[in-house]
Amino acid sequence: MQLYSSSPSPFGRKVKITAHLTGLYEQLEVVTIDGNDPESTQINPNPLHKIPALALESGELIVDSKVICEYLIQASGRTEILPDDHRVYHLSRA
């Protein structure tokens, strides 16, 4: 999996922390995007050039940090990270 992100991005940081918590960080190839470098932004596979973006081995792309985090949690089987309470779960996504 390739994670396209930028060092100062809080959304990218959230994904990296989730990857560490789920034990999947070692499986990520982190590709750093420099927003000030036009050539760097061109390698981002997201057509909207937003980060973070997670490119899967299958060629599929996940582009929202909340969805990327949920994907990593589900893929790792570490669902205990998610709140049990349905209300709390949805409030945490707000």
C-alpha atoms as a PDB file:
ATOM      1  CA  MET A   1       0.000   0.000   0.000  1.00  0.00           C
ATOM      2  CA  GLN A   2       1.193   3.492  -0.770  1.00  0.00           C
ATOM      3  CA  LEU A   3       0.187   6.399   1.442  1.00  0.00           C
ATOM      4  CA  TYR A   4       0.462   9.780  -0.245  1.00  0.00           C
ATOM      5  CA  SER A   5       0.747  12.446   2.410  1.00  0.00           C
ATOM      6  CA  SER A   6       2.520  15.598   3.517  1.00  0.00           C
ATOM      7  CA  SER A   7       4.511  15.965   6.731  1.00  0.00           C
ATOM      8  CA  PRO A   8       2.535  18.958   8.061  1.00  0.00           C
ATOM      9  CA  SER A   9      -0.865  17.427   7.214  1.00  0.00           C
ATOM     10  CA  PRO A  10      -2.905  16.635  10.362  1.00  0.00           C
ATOM     11  CA  PHE A  11      -5.075  14.295   8.277  1.00  0.00           C
ATOM     12  CA  GLY A  12      -2.037  12.379   7.062  1.00  0.00           C
ATOM     13  CA  ARG A  13      -0.725  12.244  10.625  1.00  0.00           C
ATOM     14  CA  LYS A  14      -4.033  10.735  11.775  1.00  0.00           C
ATOM     15  CA  VAL A  15      -3.709   7.991   9.150  1.00  0.00           C
ATOM     16  CA  LYS A  16      -0.085   7.287  10.135  1.00  0.00           C
ATOM     17  CA  ILE A  17      -1.043   7.012  13.820  1.00  0.00           C
ATOM     18  CA  THR A  18      -3.872   4.628  12.926  1.00  0.00           C
ATOM     19  CA  ALA A  19      -1.443   2.558  10.833  1.00  0.00           C
ATOM     20  CA  HIS A  20       0.876   2.311  13.854  1.00  0.00           C
ATOM     21  CA  LEU A  21      -2.005   1.360  16.188  1.00  0.00           C
ATOM     22  CA  THR A  22      -3.180  -1.360  13.817  1.00  0.00           C
ATOM     23  CA  GLY A  23       0.295  -2.730  13.166  1.00  0.00           C
ATOM     24  CA  LEU A  24       0.081  -1.950   9.456  1.00  0.00           C
ATOM     25  CA  TYR A  25       2.580   0.919   9.308  1.00  0.00           C
ATOM     26  CA  GLU A  26       5.398  -1.356   8.137  1.00  0.00           C
ATOM     27  CA  GLN A  27       3.245  -2.359   5.157  1.00  0.00           C
ATOM     28  CA  LEU A  28       2.880   1.259   4.028  1.00  0.00           C
ATOM     29  CA  GLU A  29       5.160   2.926   1.568  1.00  0.00           C
ATOM     30  CA  VAL A  30       4.831   6.579   2.574  1.00  0.00           C
ATOM     31  CA  VAL A  31       5.163   8.905  -0.415  1.00  0.00           C
ATOM     32  CA  THR A  32       5.747  12.480   0.734  1.00  0.00           C
ATOM     33  CA  ILE A  33       3.957  15.166  -1.244  1.00  0.00           C
ATOM     34  CA  ASP A  34       5.359  18.691  -1.019  1.00  0.00           C
ATOM     35  CA  GLY A  35       2.509  21.112  -1.680  1.00  0.00           C
ATOM     36  CA  ASN A  36       5.001  23.808  -2.691  1.00  0.00           C
ATOM     37  CA  ASP A  37       6.576  21.649  -5.397  1.00  0.00           C
ATOM     38  CA  PRO A  38       4.421  21.321  -8.549  1.00  0.00           C
ATOM     39  CA  GLU A  39       6.292  18.173  -9.655  1.00  0.00           C
ATOM     40  CA  SER A  40       5.690  16.554  -6.268  1.00  0.00           C
ATOM     41  CA  THR A  41       1.955  17.213  -6.367  1.00  0.00           C
ATOM     42  CA  GLN A  42       1.713  15.585  -9.810  1.00  0.00           C
ATOM     43  CA  ILE A  43       2.599  12.143  -8.395  1.00  0.00           C
ATOM     44  CA  ASN A  44      -0.511  12.181  -6.193  1.00  0.00           C
ATOM     45  CA  PRO A  45      -2.941   9.633  -7.703  1.00  0.00           C
ATOM     46  CA  ASN A  46      -5.980  11.492  -6.322  1.00  0.00           C
ATOM     47  CA  PRO A  47      -7.549  13.353  -9.278  1.00  0.00           C
ATOM     48  CA  LEU A  48      -8.384  16.218  -6.898  1.00  0.00           C
ATOM     49  CA  HIS A  49      -4.765  16.185  -5.615  1.00  0.00           C
ATOM     50  CA  LYS A  50      -5.961  16.068  -2.004  1.00  0.00           C
ATOM     51  CA  ILE A  51      -4.023  14.216   0.667  1.00  0.00           C
ATOM     52  CA  PRO A  52      -3.901  11.777   2.253  1.00  0.00           C
ATOM     53  CA  ALA A  53      -4.584   9.156  -0.385  1.00  0.00           C
ATOM     54  CA  LEU A  54      -4.079   5.421   0.051  1.00  0.00           C
ATOM     55  CA  ALA A  55      -3.313   3.383  -3.069  1.00  0.00           C
ATOM     56  CA  LEU A  56      -4.092  -0.291  -2.554  1.00  0.00           C
ATOM     57  CA  GLU A  57      -2.272  -3.207  -4.179  1.00  0.00           C
ATOM     58  CA  SER A  58      -5.419  -3.805  -6.263  1.00  0.00           C
ATOM     59  CA  GLY A  59      -5.062  -0.353  -7.843  1.00  0.00           C
ATOM     60  CA  GLU A  60      -8.041   1.044  -5.923  1.00  0.00           C
ATOM     61  CA  LEU A  61      -7.680   4.408  -4.225  1.00  0.00           C
ATOM     62  CA  ILE A  62      -9.074   5.594  -0.877  1.00  0.00           C
ATOM     63  CA  VAL A  63      -8.943   9.364  -0.468  1.00  0.00           C
ATOM     64  CA  ASP A  64     -10.656  10.461   2.774  1.00  0.00           C
ATOM     65  CA  SER A  65      -8.629  10.227   6.007  1.00  0.00           C
ATOM     66  CA  LYS A  66     -11.583   8.893   8.027  1.00  0.00           C
ATOM     67  CA  VAL A  67     -12.268   6.226   5.422  1.00  0.00           C
ATOM     68  CA  ILE A  68      -8.562   5.342   5.185  1.00  0.00           C
ATOM     69  CA  CYS A  69      -8.426   4.921   8.978  1.00  0.00           C
ATOM     70  CA  GLU A  70     -11.512   2.708   8.966  1.00  0.00           C
ATOM     71  CA  TYR A  71     -10.048   0.641   6.132  1.00  0.00           C
ATOM     72  CA  LEU A  72      -6.814   0.096   8.092  1.00  0.00           C
ATOM     73  CA  ILE A  73      -8.744  -0.852  11.232  1.00  0.00           C
ATOM     74  CA  GLN A  74     -10.942  -3.322   9.358  1.00  0.00           C
ATOM     75  CA  ALA A  75      -8.021  -4.753   7.351  1.00  0.00           C
ATOM     76  CA  SER A  76      -6.013  -5.344  10.524  1.00  0.00           C
ATOM     77  CA  GLY A  77      -8.910  -6.876  12.446  1.00  0.00           C
ATOM     78  CA  ARG A  78      -8.244  -4.416  15.302  1.00  0.00           C
ATOM     79  CA  THR A  79     -11.889  -3.336  15.511  1.00  0.00           C
ATOM     80  CA  GLU A  80     -11.584  -2.866  19.278  1.00  0.00           C
ATOM     81  CA  ILE A  81     -10.056   0.509  18.408  1.00  0.00           C
ATOM     82  CA  LEU A  82     -13.519   1.649  17.292  1.00  0.00           C
ATOM     83  CA  PRO A  83     -16.048   2.649  19.968  1.00  0.00           C
ATOM     84  CA  ASP A  84     -18.650  -0.025  20.833  1.00  0.00           C
ATOM     85  CA  ASP A  85     -21.399   2.532  21.398  1.00  0.00           C
ATOM     86  CA  HIS A  86     -23.150   3.314  18.084  1.00  0.00           C
ATOM     87  CA  ARG A  87     -23.764   6.961  19.081  1.00  0.00           C
ATOM     88  CA  VAL A  88     -20.169   7.530  20.215  1.00  0.00           C
ATOM     89  CA  TYR A  89     -18.880   5.881  17.034  1.00  0.00           C
ATOM     90  CA  HIS A  90     -20.780   8.300  14.807  1.00  0.00           C
ATOM     91  CA  LEU A  91     -19.904  11.317  16.943  1.00  0.00           C
ATOM     92  CA  SER A  92     -16.224  10.375  16.634  1.00  0.00           C
ATOM     93  CA  ARG A  93     -16.597  10.520  12.843  1.00  0.00           C
ATOM     94  CA  ALA A  94     -18.167  14.001  12.892  1.00  0.00           C
END
